[in-house]
Amino acid sequence: MGVFVFLPLVLPLTAWPVARLAEQRLHPRTATRLLAAVAGVSAVCSTLCLGLLMIVGTAQLPGNPLPDSWSDPDVRAAVPYDEIAGRAAIPALLAVLVSCAVAAWRQARVRRRTAGALAGLPPTSVAVLPDRTPYAYALPGGRGRGHGRGRVVVSTGMLAGLGSAERRALFAHERAHLNGRHHRHLLTVHLAARANPFLRPLRTAVAYTAERWADEEAAAEVGSRRTVARAIGKAALLAPRAPAATLPALAAVGPVPRRVAALMRPAPMGRAWPPVCTAAGLAAWGAAFGTTVSALSSANSAVTLYFVLHAAMTSV
C-alpha cells in the first residue's frame, strides 16, 4: 500500500486551478460536468482510503471491529501497520460519514417539506403559490410525484416584481435547471466537500457554473441575453436567498454581478474540451490526471490489502 493510500487524500488539490479557470474559460455546461465528476470521484477515493487506513491502524489492536475471519494472529500480523495514521483515520472517517449523512438528510428534508407544501396544488409543471414573499426555484421530480423531471415553484410575490419578458426568462431558467438535472451536480459537490475539505473550491465553482449554464439556456430560449440579465438582477434583489444548497434558483446566492456581466458578452463557445495549449486546458488535464491517479491509488491500495489478507488467511 505504502504512499498510495495517502495520495487520494491530497490529490484533490490538483483540481484547485481548474475550479477558478473553469468559471471563466469553459462553457458552463462543460465546467459543471467536469468539476462535479472530479469532485465525486475524488471524494469517493479519499473516503475509501480513510477506510483502508482505519483497517491498517486497528488490525493489531484488541477489540477492533474487523471480521472474525481475520481474528487469527498470523492474519492480523500480515496486515500493514501504521498506528498513528490508522488511529487518526478513525475519527476522520466517522466525521466524514456523519457529516455526509447529516447533509443528505437535510437536503431530503427540505425536498420533502417543499413537495408537501405543493400537495394540494394541481399536478402542473409550474406551481404558483399565493405568497407575498418573493421566491422561485426548481424542485426536482422523483418517484411517485408524477411530475416528470420536476416542477418550477414560484410565488406571486416574485411574479409581481417581474415584467412579462422577465417572467419568461425566469421560467426558462428554472426549466433549464430541471432539464439539465443540475440538482444532481450540486448535491454531488456538496457531499464531496463534506467528505474532503480540499474539494470546497469545486463546490463553490459548480454552484456558479450551474447557474451560468441555466442562464445560457434561458437566453437561447428567450432570445435576449439582456432580458435574462435583467431578470437575474431583479430576482436577486427581491429574493436574496435560495431555499437550499441543492435546489437551483434564478436568485441563488452567488456572484450575481458576474452572471449579469457574462450575459452582457457574446454567448460562450460550446467546445466540449479546452485546447491543451491554453491555461484552462492545462488545468483541466491536470485535474483529470490528479483524479485518475487518485482512483488508481485507491484501487491499488484496496487490491493490495485484499491480496495480503487473502494470502494470510489461505496460509493459516
C-alpha atoms as a PDB file:
ATOM      1  CA  MET A   1       0.000   0.000   0.000  1.00  0.00           C
ATOM      2  CA  GLY A   2       2.655   2.479   1.062  1.00  0.00           C
ATOM      3  CA  VAL A   3       2.279   6.070  -0.036  1.00  0.00           C
ATOM      4  CA  PHE A   4      -0.542   5.183  -2.447  1.00  0.00           C
ATOM      5  CA  VAL A   5      -3.076   5.096   0.369  1.00  0.00           C
ATOM      6  CA  PHE A   6      -2.315   8.727   1.268  1.00  0.00           C
ATOM      7  CA  LEU A   7      -2.365  10.188  -2.259  1.00  0.00           C
ATOM      8  CA  PRO A   8      -6.176  10.368  -2.689  1.00  0.00           C
ATOM      9  CA  LEU A   9      -6.384  12.462   0.467  1.00  0.00           C
ATOM     10  CA  VAL A  10      -4.286  15.294  -1.006  1.00  0.00           C
ATOM     11  CA  LEU A  11      -4.651  14.893  -4.786  1.00  0.00           C
ATOM     12  CA  PRO A  12      -7.886  16.965  -4.794  1.00  0.00           C
ATOM     13  CA  LEU A  13      -5.517  19.943  -4.530  1.00  0.00           C
ATOM     14  CA  THR A  14      -4.761  19.414  -8.242  1.00  0.00           C
ATOM     15  CA  ALA A  15      -8.333  20.486  -9.018  1.00  0.00           C
ATOM     16  CA  TRP A  16      -7.986  23.936  -7.456  1.00  0.00           C
ATOM     17  CA  PRO A  17      -6.572  25.664 -10.578  1.00  0.00           C
ATOM     18  CA  VAL A  18      -9.359  24.374 -12.820  1.00  0.00           C
ATOM     19  CA  ALA A  19     -12.049  25.397 -10.338  1.00  0.00           C
ATOM     20  CA  ARG A  20     -11.355  29.071 -10.980  1.00  0.00           C
ATOM     21  CA  LEU A  21     -10.394  28.816 -14.636  1.00  0.00           C
ATOM     22  CA  ALA A  22     -13.467  26.718 -15.463  1.00  0.00           C
ATOM     23  CA  GLU A  23     -15.710  29.557 -14.341  1.00  0.00           C
ATOM     24  CA  GLN A  24     -14.004  31.955 -16.725  1.00  0.00           C
ATOM     25  CA  ARG A  25     -12.782  29.916 -19.705  1.00  0.00           C
ATOM     26  CA  LEU A  26     -15.017  26.848 -20.131  1.00  0.00           C
ATOM     27  CA  HIS A  27     -18.598  26.639 -21.299  1.00  0.00           C
ATOM     28  CA  PRO A  28     -20.776  26.441 -18.153  1.00  0.00           C
ATOM     29  CA  ARG A  29     -22.156  23.044 -19.197  1.00  0.00           C
ATOM     30  CA  THR A  30     -18.665  21.588 -19.639  1.00  0.00           C
ATOM     31  CA  ALA A  31     -17.396  23.187 -16.428  1.00  0.00           C
ATOM     32  CA  THR A  32     -20.301  21.885 -14.351  1.00  0.00           C
ATOM     33  CA  ARG A  33     -19.976  18.325 -15.577  1.00  0.00           C
ATOM     34  CA  LEU A  34     -16.184  18.276 -15.322  1.00  0.00           C
ATOM     35  CA  LEU A  35     -15.984  19.722 -11.819  1.00  0.00           C
ATOM     36  CA  ALA A  36     -18.828  17.572 -10.476  1.00  0.00           C
ATOM     37  CA  ALA A  37     -17.191  14.424 -11.854  1.00  0.00           C
ATOM     38  CA  VAL A  38     -13.791  15.352 -10.432  1.00  0.00           C
ATOM     39  CA  ALA A  39     -15.311  16.155  -7.040  1.00  0.00           C
ATOM     40  CA  GLY A  40     -17.385  12.974  -6.885  1.00  0.00           C
ATOM     41  CA  VAL A  41     -14.554  10.612  -7.852  1.00  0.00           C
ATOM     42  CA  SER A  42     -12.055  12.365  -5.574  1.00  0.00           C
ATOM     43  CA  ALA A  43     -14.425  12.225  -2.602  1.00  0.00           C
ATOM     44  CA  VAL A  44     -15.113   8.509  -3.055  1.00  0.00           C
ATOM     45  CA  CYS A  45     -11.399   7.745  -3.366  1.00  0.00           C
ATOM     46  CA  SER A  46     -10.385   9.757  -0.307  1.00  0.00           C
ATOM     47  CA  THR A  47     -13.158   8.188   1.789  1.00  0.00           C
ATOM     48  CA  LEU A  48     -12.133   4.698   0.660  1.00  0.00           C
ATOM     49  CA  CYS A  49      -8.534   5.379   1.651  1.00  0.00           C
ATOM     50  CA  LEU A  50      -9.629   6.620   5.066  1.00  0.00           C
ATOM     51  CA  GLY A  51     -11.396   3.298   5.498  1.00  0.00           C
ATOM     52  CA  LEU A  52      -8.271   1.412   4.449  1.00  0.00           C
ATOM     53  CA  LEU A  53      -6.173   3.421   6.875  1.00  0.00           C
ATOM     54  CA  MET A  54      -8.603   2.580   9.648  1.00  0.00           C
ATOM     55  CA  ILE A  55      -8.204  -1.128   8.883  1.00  0.00           C
ATOM     56  CA  VAL A  56      -4.441  -0.793   8.778  1.00  0.00           C
ATOM     57  CA  GLY A  57      -4.318   1.102  12.062  1.00  0.00           C
ATOM     58  CA  THR A  58      -6.684  -1.133  14.011  1.00  0.00           C
ATOM     59  CA  ALA A  59      -5.743  -4.575  12.677  1.00  0.00           C
ATOM     60  CA  GLN A  60      -3.461  -5.356  15.622  1.00  0.00           C
ATOM     61  CA  LEU A  61      -5.412  -3.532  18.327  1.00  0.00           C
ATOM     62  CA  PRO A  62      -7.527  -5.577  20.772  1.00  0.00           C
ATOM     63  CA  GLY A  63     -11.267  -5.161  20.472  1.00  0.00           C
ATOM     64  CA  ASN A  64     -11.136  -3.902  16.895  1.00  0.00           C
ATOM     65  CA  PRO A  65     -14.235  -4.244  14.695  1.00  0.00           C
ATOM     66  CA  LEU A  66     -12.626  -6.379  11.989  1.00  0.00           C
ATOM     67  CA  PRO A  67     -14.376  -9.567  10.763  1.00  0.00           C
ATOM     68  CA  ASP A  68     -13.985 -12.806  12.713  1.00  0.00           C
ATOM     69  CA  SER A  69     -12.229 -14.416   9.761  1.00  0.00           C
ATOM     70  CA  TRP A  70      -9.335 -12.023  10.411  1.00  0.00           C
ATOM     71  CA  SER A  71      -9.062 -12.929  14.079  1.00  0.00           C
ATOM     72  CA  ASP A  72      -6.108 -15.260  13.656  1.00  0.00           C
ATOM     73  CA  PRO A  73      -2.916 -13.618  14.992  1.00  0.00           C
ATOM     74  CA  ASP A  74      -0.979 -14.547  11.844  1.00  0.00           C
ATOM     75  CA  VAL A  75      -3.576 -12.858   9.663  1.00  0.00           C
ATOM     76  CA  ARG A  76      -3.507  -9.692  11.735  1.00  0.00           C
ATOM     77  CA  ALA A  77       0.273  -9.713  11.727  1.00  0.00           C
ATOM     78  CA  ALA A  78       0.291  -9.794   7.915  1.00  0.00           C
ATOM     79  CA  VAL A  79      -1.719  -6.562   7.640  1.00  0.00           C
ATOM     80  CA  PRO A  80       0.466  -3.453   7.131  1.00  0.00           C
ATOM     81  CA  TYR A  81       0.507  -1.481  10.348  1.00  0.00           C
ATOM     82  CA  ASP A  82       0.701   2.261  10.941  1.00  0.00           C
ATOM     83  CA  GLU A  83      -0.608   3.089  14.373  1.00  0.00           C
ATOM     84  CA  ILE A  84      -0.514   6.903  14.144  1.00  0.00           C
ATOM     85  CA  ALA A  85      -2.177   7.213  10.714  1.00  0.00           C
ATOM     86  CA  GLY A  86      -4.594   4.395  11.443  1.00  0.00           C
ATOM     87  CA  ARG A  87      -5.828   5.812  14.720  1.00  0.00           C
ATOM     88  CA  ALA A  88      -6.126   9.307  13.211  1.00  0.00           C
ATOM     89  CA  ALA A  89      -8.205   7.866  10.370  1.00  0.00           C
ATOM     90  CA  ILE A  90     -10.872   6.515  12.764  1.00  0.00           C
ATOM     91  CA  PRO A  91     -12.309   9.881  13.917  1.00  0.00           C
ATOM     92  CA  ALA A  92     -11.693  11.373  10.457  1.00  0.00           C
ATOM     93  CA  LEU A  93     -13.731   8.641   8.760  1.00  0.00           C
ATOM     94  CA  LEU A  94     -16.503   8.881  11.346  1.00  0.00           C
ATOM     95  CA  ALA A  95     -16.616  12.657  10.871  1.00  0.00           C
ATOM     96  CA  VAL A  96     -16.895  12.230   7.088  1.00  0.00           C
ATOM     97  CA  LEU A  97     -19.691   9.678   7.332  1.00  0.00           C
ATOM     98  CA  VAL A  98     -21.659  11.680   9.889  1.00  0.00           C
ATOM     99  CA  SER A  99     -21.203  14.959   8.001  1.00  0.00           C
ATOM    100  CA  CYS A 100     -22.323  13.462   4.679  1.00  0.00           C
ATOM    101  CA  ALA A 101     -25.264  11.695   6.299  1.00  0.00           C
ATOM    102  CA  VAL A 102     -26.438  14.886   8.004  1.00  0.00           C
ATOM    103  CA  ALA A 103     -26.079  16.897   4.783  1.00  0.00           C
ATOM    104  CA  ALA A 104     -28.015  14.303   2.772  1.00  0.00           C
ATOM    105  CA  TRP A 105     -30.733  14.132   5.440  1.00  0.00           C
ATOM    106  CA  ARG A 106     -31.126  17.914   5.477  1.00  0.00           C
ATOM    107  CA  GLN A 107     -31.441  18.079   1.709  1.00  0.00           C
ATOM    108  CA  ALA A 108     -34.000  15.269   1.709  1.00  0.00           C
ATOM    109  CA  ARG A 109     -35.954  17.021   4.463  1.00  0.00           C
ATOM    110  CA  VAL A 110     -36.060  20.288   2.507  1.00  0.00           C
ATOM    111  CA  ARG A 111     -37.342  18.487  -0.575  1.00  0.00           C
ATOM    112  CA  ARG A 112     -39.971  16.588   1.404  1.00  0.00           C
ATOM    113  CA  ARG A 113     -41.230  19.756   3.054  1.00  0.00           C
ATOM    114  CA  THR A 114     -41.277  21.616  -0.246  1.00  0.00           C
ATOM    115  CA  ALA A 115     -43.065  18.783  -2.023  1.00  0.00           C
ATOM    116  CA  GLY A 116     -45.529  18.544   0.877  1.00  0.00           C
ATOM    117  CA  ALA A 117     -46.378  22.231   0.549  1.00  0.00           C
ATOM    118  CA  LEU A 118     -47.396  21.578  -3.071  1.00  0.00           C
ATOM    119  CA  ALA A 119     -49.503  18.509  -2.322  1.00  0.00           C
ATOM    120  CA  GLY A 120     -52.840  20.277  -2.724  1.00  0.00           C
ATOM    121  CA  LEU A 121     -51.992  22.031  -6.000  1.00  0.00           C
ATOM    122  CA  PRO A 122     -52.851  20.768  -9.494  1.00  0.00           C
ATOM    123  CA  PRO A 123     -50.148  18.460 -10.965  1.00  0.00           C
ATOM    124  CA  THR A 124     -48.792  21.023 -13.422  1.00  0.00           C
ATOM    125  CA  SER A 125     -45.185  21.701 -14.393  1.00  0.00           C
ATOM    126  CA  VAL A 126     -45.384  25.155 -12.777  1.00  0.00           C
ATOM    127  CA  ALA A 127     -46.646  25.671  -9.227  1.00  0.00           C
ATOM    128  CA  VAL A 128     -47.641  29.255  -8.378  1.00  0.00           C
ATOM    129  CA  LEU A 129     -48.005  29.774  -4.632  1.00  0.00           C
ATOM    130  CA  PRO A 130     -50.084  32.671  -3.250  1.00  0.00           C
ATOM    131  CA  ASP A 131     -47.281  34.097  -1.162  1.00  0.00           C
ATOM    132  CA  ARG A 132     -46.077  37.702  -0.945  1.00  0.00           C
ATOM    133  CA  THR A 133     -42.572  36.507  -0.158  1.00  0.00           C
ATOM    134  CA  PRO A 134     -40.680  36.533  -3.487  1.00  0.00           C
ATOM    135  CA  TYR A 135     -39.003  33.249  -4.408  1.00  0.00           C
ATOM    136  CA  ALA A 136     -38.631  30.881  -7.341  1.00  0.00           C
ATOM    137  CA  TYR A 137     -36.742  27.617  -7.620  1.00  0.00           C
ATOM    138  CA  ALA A 138     -36.631  24.289  -9.430  1.00  0.00           C
ATOM    139  CA  LEU A 139     -37.963  21.322  -7.448  1.00  0.00           C
ATOM    140  CA  PRO A 140     -36.611  18.068  -8.925  1.00  0.00           C
ATOM    141  CA  GLY A 141     -39.033  15.280  -9.672  1.00  0.00           C
ATOM    142  CA  GLY A 142     -38.999  11.872  -8.066  1.00  0.00           C
ATOM    143  CA  ARG A 143     -40.721   8.539  -7.995  1.00  0.00           C
ATOM    144  CA  GLY A 144     -44.368   8.775  -7.161  1.00  0.00           C
ATOM    145  CA  ARG A 145     -44.642  12.521  -7.750  1.00  0.00           C
ATOM    146  CA  GLY A 146     -45.898  12.263 -11.311  1.00  0.00           C
ATOM    147  CA  HIS A 147     -44.240  15.475 -12.457  1.00  0.00           C
ATOM    148  CA  GLY A 148     -41.548  14.088 -14.761  1.00  0.00           C
ATOM    149  CA  ARG A 149     -38.306  15.971 -14.274  1.00  0.00           C
ATOM    150  CA  GLY A 150     -39.808  18.217 -11.606  1.00  0.00           C
ATOM    151  CA  ARG A 151     -41.719  21.451 -11.141  1.00  0.00           C
ATOM    152  CA  VAL A 152     -40.959  25.132 -11.242  1.00  0.00           C
ATOM    153  CA  VAL A 153     -42.111  26.685  -7.965  1.00  0.00           C
ATOM    154  CA  VAL A 154     -42.717  30.442  -7.931  1.00  0.00           C
ATOM    155  CA  SER A 155     -44.557  32.790  -5.601  1.00  0.00           C
ATOM    156  CA  THR A 156     -46.964  35.524  -6.596  1.00  0.00           C
ATOM    157  CA  GLY A 157     -44.605  37.937  -4.842  1.00  0.00           C
ATOM    158  CA  MET A 158     -41.827  37.078  -7.287  1.00  0.00           C
ATOM    159  CA  LEU A 159     -44.098  37.294 -10.336  1.00  0.00           C
ATOM    160  CA  ALA A 160     -45.379  40.693  -9.217  1.00  0.00           C
ATOM    161  CA  GLY A 161     -41.847  42.079  -9.226  1.00  0.00           C
ATOM    162  CA  LEU A 162     -41.029  40.991 -12.780  1.00  0.00           C
ATOM    163  CA  GLY A 163     -42.231  42.100 -16.183  1.00  0.00           C
ATOM    164  CA  SER A 164     -43.724  39.691 -18.709  1.00  0.00           C
ATOM    165  CA  ALA A 165     -40.451  39.164 -20.593  1.00  0.00           C
ATOM    166  CA  GLU A 166     -38.575  38.680 -17.325  1.00  0.00           C
ATOM    167  CA  ARG A 167     -41.121  36.093 -16.231  1.00  0.00           C
ATOM    168  CA  ARG A 168     -40.441  34.155 -19.415  1.00  0.00           C
ATOM    169  CA  ALA A 169     -36.734  34.310 -18.607  1.00  0.00           C
ATOM    170  CA  LEU A 170     -37.383  33.085 -15.073  1.00  0.00           C
ATOM    171  CA  PHE A 171     -39.386  30.073 -16.214  1.00  0.00           C
ATOM    172  CA  ALA A 172     -36.839  29.266 -18.938  1.00  0.00           C
ATOM    173  CA  HIS A 173     -34.040  29.434 -16.370  1.00  0.00           C
ATOM    174  CA  GLU A 174     -35.761  27.098 -13.918  1.00  0.00           C
ATOM    175  CA  ARG A 175     -36.748  24.667 -16.684  1.00  0.00           C
ATOM    176  CA  ALA A 176     -33.105  24.560 -17.749  1.00  0.00           C
ATOM    177  CA  HIS A 177     -32.187  23.515 -14.197  1.00  0.00           C
ATOM    178  CA  LEU A 178     -34.722  20.698 -14.321  1.00  0.00           C
ATOM    179  CA  ASN A 179     -33.829  19.514 -17.829  1.00  0.00           C
ATOM    180  CA  GLY A 180     -30.114  19.508 -17.013  1.00  0.00           C
ATOM    181  CA  ARG A 181     -30.606  17.733 -13.662  1.00  0.00           C
ATOM    182  CA  HIS A 182     -28.460  20.403 -12.060  1.00  0.00           C
ATOM    183  CA  HIS A 183     -29.521  19.356  -8.579  1.00  0.00           C
ATOM    184  CA  ARG A 184     -27.519  16.155  -9.017  1.00  0.00           C
ATOM    185  CA  HIS A 185     -24.323  18.067  -9.775  1.00  0.00           C
ATOM    186  CA  LEU A 186     -24.952  20.384  -6.846  1.00  0.00           C
ATOM    187  CA  LEU A 187     -25.625  17.530  -4.439  1.00  0.00           C
ATOM    188  CA  THR A 188     -22.511  15.696  -5.641  1.00  0.00           C
ATOM    189  CA  VAL A 189     -20.164  18.602  -4.959  1.00  0.00           C
ATOM    190  CA  HIS A 190     -21.981  19.435  -1.718  1.00  0.00           C
ATOM    191  CA  LEU A 191     -21.369  15.943  -0.326  1.00  0.00           C
ATOM    192  CA  ALA A 192     -17.861  15.837  -1.801  1.00  0.00           C
ATOM    193  CA  ALA A 193     -16.913  18.996   0.070  1.00  0.00           C
ATOM    194  CA  ARG A 194     -18.170  17.372   3.274  1.00  0.00           C
ATOM    195  CA  ALA A 195     -16.061  14.289   2.573  1.00  0.00           C
ATOM    196  CA  ASN A 196     -12.854  16.189   1.790  1.00  0.00           C
ATOM    197  CA  PRO A 197     -12.377  19.898   2.679  1.00  0.00           C
ATOM    198  CA  PHE A 198      -9.910  20.249  -0.207  1.00  0.00           C
ATOM    199  CA  LEU A 199     -12.902  19.964  -2.562  1.00  0.00           C
ATOM    200  CA  ARG A 200     -14.723  23.040  -1.251  1.00  0.00           C
ATOM    201  CA  PRO A 201     -13.497  25.305  -4.095  1.00  0.00           C
ATOM    202  CA  LEU A 202     -15.175  22.915  -6.534  1.00  0.00           C
ATOM    203  CA  ARG A 203     -18.468  23.204  -4.657  1.00  0.00           C
ATOM    204  CA  THR A 204     -18.341  26.992  -4.969  1.00  0.00           C
ATOM    205  CA  ALA A 205     -17.399  26.795  -8.637  1.00  0.00           C
ATOM    206  CA  VAL A 206     -20.196  24.351  -9.549  1.00  0.00           C
ATOM    207  CA  ALA A 207     -22.781  26.455  -7.704  1.00  0.00           C
ATOM    208  CA  TYR A 208     -21.793  29.288 -10.054  1.00  0.00           C
ATOM    209  CA  THR A 209     -21.373  27.317 -13.302  1.00  0.00           C
ATOM    210  CA  ALA A 210     -24.723  25.543 -12.854  1.00  0.00           C
ATOM    211  CA  GLU A 211     -26.443  28.921 -12.671  1.00  0.00           C
ATOM    212  CA  ARG A 212     -24.476  30.146 -15.684  1.00  0.00           C
ATOM    213  CA  TRP A 213     -25.495  27.012 -17.581  1.00  0.00           C
ATOM    214  CA  ALA A 214     -29.159  27.759 -16.880  1.00  0.00           C
ATOM    215  CA  ASP A 215     -28.599  31.433 -17.766  1.00  0.00           C
ATOM    216  CA  GLU A 216     -27.283  30.496 -21.204  1.00  0.00           C
ATOM    217  CA  GLU A 217     -30.114  28.044 -21.827  1.00  0.00           C
ATOM    218  CA  ALA A 218     -32.659  30.684 -20.818  1.00  0.00           C
ATOM    219  CA  ALA A 219     -31.026  33.306 -23.040  1.00  0.00           C
ATOM    220  CA  ALA A 220     -31.172  30.939 -26.011  1.00  0.00           C
ATOM    221  CA  GLU A 221     -34.851  30.168 -25.378  1.00  0.00           C
ATOM    222  CA  VAL A 222     -35.940  33.750 -24.733  1.00  0.00           C
ATOM    223  CA  GLY A 223     -33.764  35.175 -27.491  1.00  0.00           C
ATOM    224  CA  SER A 224     -32.445  38.074 -25.420  1.00  0.00           C
ATOM    225  CA  ARG A 225     -29.415  37.910 -23.161  1.00  0.00           C
ATOM    226  CA  ARG A 226     -30.210  41.353 -21.785  1.00  0.00           C
ATOM    227  CA  THR A 227     -33.693  40.242 -20.670  1.00  0.00           C
ATOM    228  CA  VAL A 228     -32.250  37.294 -18.752  1.00  0.00           C
ATOM    229  CA  ALA A 229     -29.643  39.551 -17.146  1.00  0.00           C
ATOM    230  CA  ARG A 230     -32.347  41.977 -16.084  1.00  0.00           C
ATOM    231  CA  ALA A 231     -34.447  39.140 -14.655  1.00  0.00           C
ATOM    232  CA  ILE A 232     -31.470  37.827 -12.657  1.00  0.00           C
ATOM    233  CA  GLY A 233     -30.781  41.256 -11.178  1.00  0.00           C
ATOM    234  CA  LYS A 234     -34.375  41.872 -10.172  1.00  0.00           C
ATOM    235  CA  ALA A 235     -34.860  38.370  -8.762  1.00  0.00           C
ATOM    236  CA  ALA A 236     -31.670  38.656  -6.713  1.00  0.00           C
ATOM    237  CA  LEU A 237     -32.861  41.942  -5.216  1.00  0.00           C
ATOM    238  CA  LEU A 238     -36.285  40.513  -4.446  1.00  0.00           C
ATOM    239  CA  ALA A 239     -35.217  37.104  -3.071  1.00  0.00           C
ATOM    240  CA  PRO A 240     -31.572  37.161  -1.908  1.00  0.00           C
ATOM    241  CA  ARG A 241     -31.616  33.594  -0.552  1.00  0.00           C
ATOM    242  CA  ALA A 242     -32.218  30.184  -2.147  1.00  0.00           C
ATOM    243  CA  PRO A 243     -34.256  27.576  -0.209  1.00  0.00           C
ATOM    244  CA  ALA A 244     -31.450  25.006  -0.138  1.00  0.00           C
ATOM    245  CA  ALA A 245     -27.952  24.436  -1.484  1.00  0.00           C
ATOM    246  CA  THR A 246     -29.118  21.809  -3.972  1.00  0.00           C
ATOM    247  CA  LEU A 247     -32.360  23.464  -5.143  1.00  0.00           C
ATOM    248  CA  PRO A 248     -31.291  25.617  -8.119  1.00  0.00           C
ATOM    249  CA  ALA A 249     -32.855  29.061  -8.397  1.00  0.00           C
ATOM    250  CA  LEU A 250     -32.621  32.153 -10.561  1.00  0.00           C
ATOM    251  CA  ALA A 251     -31.938  34.223  -7.440  1.00  0.00           C
ATOM    252  CA  ALA A 252     -29.452  31.775  -5.940  1.00  0.00           C
ATOM    253  CA  VAL A 253     -26.859  33.135  -3.578  1.00  0.00           C
ATOM    254  CA  GLY A 254     -23.674  33.821  -5.520  1.00  0.00           C
ATOM    255  CA  PRO A 255     -21.812  36.295  -7.716  1.00  0.00           C
ATOM    256  CA  VAL A 256     -24.866  37.798  -9.437  1.00  0.00           C
ATOM    257  CA  PRO A 257     -22.862  40.711 -10.934  1.00  0.00           C
ATOM    258  CA  ARG A 258     -20.567  38.209 -12.662  1.00  0.00           C
ATOM    259  CA  ARG A 259     -23.548  36.354 -14.101  1.00  0.00           C
ATOM    260  CA  VAL A 260     -25.041  39.587 -15.376  1.00  0.00           C
ATOM    261  CA  ALA A 261     -21.710  40.692 -16.830  1.00  0.00           C
ATOM    262  CA  ALA A 262     -21.338  37.329 -18.609  1.00  0.00           C
ATOM    263  CA  LEU A 263     -24.754  37.775 -20.212  1.00  0.00           C
ATOM    264  CA  MET A 264     -23.700  41.179 -21.485  1.00  0.00           C
ATOM    265  CA  ARG A 265     -20.983  39.442 -23.524  1.00  0.00           C
ATOM    266  CA  PRO A 266     -21.471  37.120 -26.517  1.00  0.00           C
ATOM    267  CA  ALA A 267     -22.535  33.552 -25.808  1.00  0.00           C
ATOM    268  CA  PRO A 268     -19.613  31.248 -24.941  1.00  0.00           C
ATOM    269  CA  MET A 269     -18.416  28.666 -27.424  1.00  0.00           C
ATOM    270  CA  GLY A 270     -19.819  25.201 -26.883  1.00  0.00           C
ATOM    271  CA  ARG A 271     -16.438  23.446 -27.135  1.00  0.00           C
ATOM    272  CA  ALA A 272     -16.569  20.153 -25.232  1.00  0.00           C
ATOM    273  CA  TRP A 273     -12.955  20.338 -24.007  1.00  0.00           C
ATOM    274  CA  PRO A 274     -10.498  23.267 -23.951  1.00  0.00           C
ATOM    275  CA  PRO A 275      -7.336  23.119 -26.114  1.00  0.00           C
ATOM    276  CA  VAL A 276      -4.317  21.718 -24.282  1.00  0.00           C
ATOM    277  CA  CYS A 277      -2.212  24.780 -25.091  1.00  0.00           C
ATOM    278  CA  THR A 278      -4.459  27.094 -23.052  1.00  0.00           C
ATOM    279  CA  ALA A 279      -4.373  27.733 -19.306  1.00  0.00           C
ATOM    280  CA  ALA A 280      -7.844  26.240 -18.901  1.00  0.00           C
ATOM    281  CA  GLY A 281      -6.807  23.200 -20.938  1.00  0.00           C
ATOM    282  CA  LEU A 282      -3.719  22.589 -18.815  1.00  0.00           C
ATOM    283  CA  ALA A 283      -5.739  22.989 -15.622  1.00  0.00           C
ATOM    284  CA  ALA A 284      -8.457  20.645 -16.893  1.00  0.00           C
ATOM    285  CA  TRP A 285      -5.948  17.984 -17.893  1.00  0.00           C
ATOM    286  CA  GLY A 286      -4.170  18.449 -14.559  1.00  0.00           C
ATOM    287  CA  ALA A 287      -7.417  17.894 -12.677  1.00  0.00           C
ATOM    288  CA  ALA A 288      -8.229  14.863 -14.832  1.00  0.00           C
ATOM    289  CA  PHE A 289      -4.736  13.461 -14.233  1.00  0.00           C
ATOM    290  CA  GLY A 290      -4.980  14.012 -10.479  1.00  0.00           C
ATOM    291  CA  THR A 291      -8.386  12.343 -10.377  1.00  0.00           C
ATOM    292  CA  THR A 292      -7.117   9.369 -12.392  1.00  0.00           C
ATOM    293  CA  VAL A 293      -4.089   8.956 -10.139  1.00  0.00           C
ATOM    294  CA  SER A 294      -6.358   9.199  -7.104  1.00  0.00           C
ATOM    295  CA  ALA A 295      -8.627   6.449  -8.458  1.00  0.00           C
ATOM    296  CA  LEU A 296      -5.679   4.219  -9.361  1.00  0.00           C
ATOM    297  CA  SER A 297      -4.024   4.801  -5.981  1.00  0.00           C
ATOM    298  CA  SER A 298      -7.131   3.922  -4.002  1.00  0.00           C
ATOM    299  CA  ALA A 299      -7.757   0.876  -6.195  1.00  0.00           C
ATOM    300  CA  ASN A 300      -4.130  -0.221  -5.790  1.00  0.00           C
ATOM    301  CA  SER A 301      -4.342   0.112  -2.011  1.00  0.00           C
ATOM    302  CA  ALA A 302      -7.628  -1.781  -1.789  1.00  0.00           C
ATOM    303  CA  VAL A 303      -6.438  -4.600  -4.076  1.00  0.00           C
ATOM    304  CA  THR A 304      -3.118  -4.854  -2.237  1.00  0.00           C
ATOM    305  CA  LEU A 305      -4.825  -5.147   1.136  1.00  0.00           C
ATOM    306  CA  TYR A 306      -7.232  -7.746  -0.266  1.00  0.00           C
ATOM    307  CA  PHE A 307      -4.437  -9.957  -1.583  1.00  0.00           C
ATOM    308  CA  VAL A 308      -2.449  -9.586   1.647  1.00  0.00           C
ATOM    309  CA  LEU A 309      -5.443 -10.710   3.698  1.00  0.00           C
ATOM    310  CA  HIS A 310      -6.342 -13.474   1.218  1.00  0.00           C
ATOM    311  CA  ALA A 311      -2.807 -14.861   1.241  1.00  0.00           C
ATOM    312  CA  ALA A 312      -2.603 -14.671   5.028  1.00  0.00           C
ATOM    313  CA  MET A 313      -5.937 -16.460   5.555  1.00  0.00           C
ATOM    314  CA  THR A 314      -5.050 -19.121   2.971  1.00  0.00           C
ATOM    315  CA  SER A 315      -1.786 -19.918   4.680  1.00  0.00           C
ATOM    316  CA  VAL A 316      -3.343 -20.208   8.133  1.00  0.00           C
END
